[in-house]
Amino acid sequence: MTVEAAADRLLGAYRDRRPCAPVRDLIGGDDVEAAYAVQQRVNEARIAAGAAVVGRKIGLTSAAVRAQLGVDSPDFGVLFDDMAMREDHPVPVDLLLQPKVEAEIAFVLAEDVDDPDGDLAGRVAYAAPALEVVDSRIADWDITLGDTVADNASSGLFVLGEARVPLGRLDPVATRMVMTRGGEVVARGTGADCLGDPLEALRWLARTACATGSPLLAGQVVLSGALGPMVVVRGGDTVRARLSGLGDVTATFTTGEERT
């Protein structure tokens, strides 16, 4: 009953576009099993409403953020087709509640990953620069581990840049990232800031996905985790990230008033 109540609370926030109270009063702040059960119920409801799964996202890849939440491993969420935004189309902030942006390396899979301890790099079709627009249905981002896992790992939207780079031409660990908002530098980082290696983050996810009976599939997008701090965005902002070896990715945010 507590899992169902937590899922209903989050689905209400999606439906009403209004942040809700944390769900830790229902499932606890660190009960990961219960939190993923809530996530699954919410995601099943989205699928029943017509959304299609197109990939996964990895969260909590930053050591500082894990220390803040008192956890020692990442988490994951599901990417749906209605979360994918194009660079050449404005991102409507009214689709979101409390958006923040972080820059990442995205991996697009060429093959299913049924052996996560095998040649994982060989199953990646290409890497691309990405902006993840994270969001929280929990009011004021007042989250514990249980809250963010239940809330689909605080997923919002994502934008992929144009580059399609085979892994043979990229060193993910050495990738350097600079992100600007309105032309001002707001974040810097490297691939090493993502769990030490974005490919190791991908391996962690592949192992976890296989263990839960939902292996990663060919064609899916995996957002491997932030290369630097996330920043708040509002209507009128333009965010651009430059990732060495991958090029640029840009998102422009608009309000409903700006689109009319």
Protein backbone atom coordinates (compact mmCIF):
# COMPACT_ATOMS: atom_id res chain seq x y z
CA MET A 1 0.00 0.00 0.00
CA THR A 2 2.83 2.42 0.76
CA VAL A 3 4.41 1.76 -2.65
CA GLU A 4 1.08 2.40 -4.36
CA ALA A 5 0.52 5.57 -2.33
CA ALA A 6 3.99 6.89 -3.22
CA ALA A 7 3.43 6.14 -6.90
CA ASP A 8 0.05 7.89 -6.81
CA ARG A 9 1.64 10.95 -5.22
CA LEU A 10 4.29 11.20 -7.94
CA LEU A 11 1.80 10.54 -10.73
CA GLY A 12 -0.34 13.34 -9.33
CA ALA A 13 2.64 15.68 -9.58
CA TYR A 14 3.14 14.66 -13.21
CA ARG A 15 -0.57 15.13 -13.96
CA ASP A 16 -1.07 18.43 -12.13
CA ARG A 17 2.39 19.87 -12.97
CA ARG A 18 2.79 20.74 -9.33
CA PRO A 19 5.58 19.50 -7.03
CA CYS A 20 4.53 17.14 -4.27
CA ALA A 21 5.78 16.30 -0.80
CA PRO A 22 8.66 13.81 -0.52
CA VAL A 23 7.65 10.14 -0.58
CA ARG A 24 10.09 9.07 2.13
CA ASP A 25 7.31 9.32 4.70
CA LEU A 26 5.75 6.37 2.86
CA ILE A 27 8.73 4.24 1.82
CA GLY A 28 11.65 5.53 3.91
CA GLY A 29 14.63 7.54 2.84
CA ASP A 30 16.99 4.68 2.03
CA ASP A 31 14.82 1.66 1.16
CA VAL A 32 16.16 1.20 -2.38
CA GLU A 33 14.02 -1.86 -3.12
CA ALA A 34 10.82 -0.02 -2.24
CA ALA A 35 11.96 3.06 -4.17
CA TYR A 36 12.56 1.08 -7.36
CA ALA A 37 9.16 -0.59 -6.89
CA VAL A 38 7.60 2.88 -6.86
CA GLN A 39 9.61 3.88 -9.94
CA GLN A 40 8.40 0.78 -11.75
CA ARG A 41 4.75 1.53 -10.96
CA VAL A 42 5.07 5.12 -12.13
CA ASN A 43 6.84 4.05 -15.32
CA GLU A 44 4.27 1.34 -16.01
CA ALA A 45 1.58 4.00 -15.79
CA ARG A 46 3.46 6.16 -18.31
CA ILE A 47 3.83 3.21 -20.68
CA ALA A 48 0.12 2.42 -20.33
CA ALA A 49 -0.56 6.03 -21.33
CA GLY A 50 1.44 5.57 -24.54
CA ALA A 51 5.07 6.40 -23.71
CA ALA A 52 7.80 4.13 -25.13
CA VAL A 53 11.12 3.30 -23.46
CA VAL A 54 14.13 4.53 -25.48
CA GLY A 55 16.93 4.09 -22.94
CA ARG A 56 18.19 4.64 -19.42
CA LYS A 57 19.93 7.32 -17.41
CA ILE A 58 22.51 6.89 -14.70
CA GLY A 59 22.41 9.22 -11.71
CA LEU A 60 24.55 9.84 -8.64
CA THR A 61 27.79 9.32 -10.56
CA SER A 62 29.37 12.25 -8.70
CA ALA A 63 31.26 11.29 -5.53
CA ALA A 64 30.21 14.59 -3.94
CA VAL A 65 26.51 13.98 -4.56
CA ARG A 66 26.72 10.38 -3.31
CA ALA A 67 28.42 11.62 -0.15
CA GLN A 68 25.67 14.21 0.29
CA LEU A 69 22.99 11.50 0.14
CA GLY A 70 25.05 9.00 2.13
CA VAL A 71 25.17 6.32 -0.59
CA ASP A 72 28.00 4.41 -2.22
CA SER A 73 26.56 3.56 -5.65
CA PRO A 74 24.76 5.28 -8.53
CA ASP A 75 21.07 4.92 -9.36
CA PHE A 76 19.20 4.68 -12.65
CA GLY A 77 16.02 5.79 -14.33
CA VAL A 78 14.20 5.16 -17.60
CA LEU A 79 14.22 7.41 -20.68
CA PHE A 80 10.97 7.69 -22.64
CA ASP A 81 10.43 8.86 -26.19
CA ASP A 82 8.59 11.99 -25.04
CA MET A 83 11.68 13.04 -23.07
CA ALA A 84 13.86 13.40 -26.19
CA MET A 85 14.22 17.01 -27.36
CA ARG A 86 15.88 18.28 -30.54
CA GLU A 87 18.59 20.92 -30.61
CA ASP A 88 16.74 22.90 -33.28
CA HIS A 89 13.52 23.10 -31.25
CA PRO A 90 13.09 25.16 -28.06
CA VAL A 91 12.63 23.22 -24.84
CA PRO A 92 9.40 24.34 -23.16
CA VAL A 93 10.11 24.88 -19.47
CA ASP A 94 6.41 24.49 -18.72
CA LEU A 95 6.83 20.77 -19.41
CA LEU A 96 8.97 20.73 -16.27
CA LEU A 97 8.67 21.71 -12.63
CA GLN A 98 12.13 22.58 -11.27
CA PRO A 99 14.55 22.07 -14.17
CA LYS A 100 18.31 21.91 -13.92
CA VAL A 101 20.81 20.99 -16.63
CA GLU A 102 23.95 18.89 -16.65
CA ALA A 103 26.30 17.85 -19.46
CA GLU A 104 27.01 14.18 -20.15
CA ILE A 105 28.34 11.64 -22.61
CA ALA A 106 25.52 9.64 -24.17
CA PHE A 107 26.14 6.12 -25.46
CA VAL A 108 23.89 4.60 -28.12
CA LEU A 109 23.99 0.82 -28.19
CA ALA A 110 24.60 -1.23 -31.32
CA GLU A 111 23.73 -4.56 -29.68
CA ASP A 112 21.81 -5.96 -26.74
CA VAL A 113 23.93 -6.22 -23.60
CA ASP A 114 23.30 -9.65 -22.13
CA ASP A 115 26.89 -10.10 -20.90
CA PRO A 116 27.84 -6.92 -18.99
CA ASP A 117 31.29 -8.28 -18.12
CA GLY A 118 32.21 -8.87 -21.76
CA ASP A 119 33.34 -6.40 -24.43
CA LEU A 120 31.01 -3.56 -23.52
CA ALA A 121 32.70 -0.94 -25.68
CA GLY A 122 32.19 -3.18 -28.70
CA ARG A 123 28.44 -3.04 -28.16
CA VAL A 124 28.33 0.76 -28.33
CA ALA A 125 27.45 2.14 -31.75
CA TYR A 126 28.65 5.66 -30.95
CA ALA A 127 28.93 8.36 -28.32
CA ALA A 128 27.29 11.78 -28.51
CA PRO A 129 27.36 14.97 -26.45
CA ALA A 130 24.24 15.34 -24.33
CA LEU A 131 22.42 17.71 -22.05
CA GLU A 132 20.22 16.09 -19.46
CA VAL A 133 17.46 18.33 -18.13
CA VAL A 134 16.95 16.86 -14.69
CA ASP A 135 13.77 17.60 -12.80
CA SER A 136 12.14 16.66 -9.52
CA ARG A 137 8.51 16.08 -8.74
CA ILE A 138 9.53 16.57 -5.08
CA ALA A 139 9.01 20.14 -3.90
CA ASP A 140 12.18 22.24 -3.51
CA TRP A 141 14.40 19.30 -4.49
CA ASP A 142 14.04 18.09 -0.88
CA ILE A 143 15.20 14.57 -1.71
CA THR A 144 16.78 11.55 -0.11
CA LEU A 145 17.97 8.51 -2.04
CA GLY A 146 14.53 6.95 -1.75
CA ASP A 147 12.84 10.06 -3.12
CA THR A 148 15.03 10.42 -6.19
CA VAL A 149 15.00 6.71 -7.08
CA ALA A 150 11.22 6.57 -6.76
CA ASP A 151 11.00 9.68 -8.96
CA ASN A 152 12.70 7.94 -11.91
CA ALA A 153 16.10 9.18 -10.74
CA SER A 154 14.90 12.79 -11.09
CA SER A 155 14.56 12.47 -14.85
CA GLY A 156 13.20 15.26 -17.01
CA LEU A 157 14.22 15.62 -20.65
CA PHE A 158 17.39 15.20 -22.72
CA VAL A 159 19.02 16.64 -25.82
CA LEU A 160 21.65 14.92 -27.96
CA GLY A 161 24.14 16.87 -30.05
CA GLU A 162 24.79 16.12 -33.71
CA ALA A 163 28.13 14.32 -33.31
CA ARG A 164 28.22 10.54 -33.64
CA VAL A 165 31.67 9.40 -32.52
CA PRO A 166 32.80 5.74 -32.48
CA LEU A 167 34.51 4.78 -29.24
CA GLY A 168 37.69 3.99 -31.14
CA ARG A 169 38.05 7.73 -31.68
CA LEU A 170 37.19 8.82 -28.13
CA ASP A 171 38.75 8.55 -24.69
CA PRO A 172 35.72 9.08 -22.41
CA VAL A 173 37.85 9.52 -19.26
CA ALA A 174 39.90 12.33 -20.82
CA THR A 175 36.88 14.18 -22.21
CA ARG A 176 36.79 17.78 -21.00
CA MET A 177 33.51 19.63 -20.62
CA VAL A 178 32.71 23.33 -20.43
CA MET A 179 29.07 24.41 -20.08
CA THR A 180 27.76 27.94 -20.53
CA ARG A 181 24.40 29.56 -19.80
CA GLY A 182 23.78 32.78 -21.67
CA GLY A 183 27.44 32.76 -22.69
CA GLU A 184 28.73 32.60 -19.11
CA VAL A 185 30.68 29.55 -17.97
CA VAL A 186 28.64 27.79 -15.28
CA ALA A 187 30.19 24.31 -15.12
CA ARG A 188 33.38 22.45 -15.96
CA GLY A 189 34.37 18.83 -15.60
CA THR A 190 35.92 15.76 -17.18
CA GLY A 191 34.98 12.20 -17.93
CA ALA A 192 36.86 11.15 -14.81
CA ASP A 193 34.21 13.00 -12.77
CA CYS A 194 31.62 10.43 -13.90
CA LEU A 195 32.27 7.45 -11.62
CA GLY A 196 35.92 7.60 -12.66
CA ASP A 197 35.06 6.52 -16.22
CA PRO A 198 31.76 6.92 -18.14
CA LEU A 199 32.24 3.42 -19.57
CA GLU A 200 32.42 2.01 -16.03
CA ALA A 201 29.16 3.82 -15.29
CA LEU A 202 27.71 2.09 -18.35
CA ARG A 203 29.03 -1.27 -17.11
CA TRP A 204 27.46 -0.68 -13.70
CA LEU A 205 24.12 -0.02 -15.38
CA ALA A 206 24.47 -3.06 -17.67
CA ARG A 207 25.11 -5.32 -14.69
CA THR A 208 22.23 -3.83 -12.73
CA ALA A 209 19.87 -4.07 -15.71
CA CYS A 210 20.74 -7.73 -16.30
CA ALA A 211 20.33 -8.52 -12.60
CA THR A 212 16.84 -7.01 -12.60
CA GLY A 213 15.78 -8.86 -15.74
CA SER A 214 15.66 -5.81 -18.02
CA PRO A 215 18.93 -5.86 -20.02
CA LEU A 216 19.99 -2.92 -22.16
CA LEU A 217 18.87 -3.27 -25.78
CA ALA A 218 20.24 -2.33 -29.18
CA GLY A 219 19.30 1.20 -30.19
CA GLN A 220 18.81 2.43 -26.64
CA VAL A 221 20.34 5.68 -25.43
CA VAL A 222 22.25 5.65 -22.14
CA LEU A 223 23.00 8.94 -20.41
CA SER A 224 26.12 7.96 -18.52
CA GLY A 225 26.12 10.65 -15.82
CA ALA A 226 27.11 14.25 -15.22
CA LEU A 227 30.59 15.50 -16.05
CA GLY A 228 30.13 18.52 -13.80
CA PRO A 229 27.64 20.33 -11.57
CA MET A 230 24.05 20.87 -12.65
CA VAL A 231 22.68 24.40 -13.03
CA VAL A 232 19.20 25.89 -12.79
CA VAL A 233 17.53 26.98 -16.04
CA ARG A 234 14.56 29.22 -16.77
CA GLY A 235 12.67 30.38 -19.83
CA GLY A 236 14.92 32.49 -22.04
CA ASP A 237 18.13 30.63 -21.12
CA THR A 238 20.39 29.07 -23.72
CA VAL A 239 22.71 26.36 -22.44
CA ARG A 240 25.63 25.08 -24.49
CA ALA A 241 28.11 22.37 -23.53
CA ARG A 242 31.35 21.69 -25.38
CA LEU A 243 32.83 18.23 -24.88
CA SER A 244 36.32 17.63 -26.26
CA GLY A 245 36.26 14.92 -28.90
CA LEU A 246 32.48 15.17 -29.19
CA GLY A 247 31.70 18.78 -30.02
CA ASP A 248 28.79 20.93 -28.85
CA VAL A 249 25.22 20.38 -27.71
CA THR A 250 22.80 23.26 -27.18
CA ALA A 251 19.36 23.73 -25.66
CA THR A 252 17.26 26.91 -25.64
CA PHE A 253 14.49 27.11 -23.07
CA THR A 254 11.23 28.96 -23.62
CA THR A 255 8.05 29.60 -21.68
CA GLY A 256 4.55 29.21 -23.07
CA GLU A 257 4.30 33.00 -23.42
CA GLU A 258 7.51 33.12 -25.45
CA ARG A 259 6.20 30.51 -27.89
CA THR A 260 2.96 32.38 -28.67
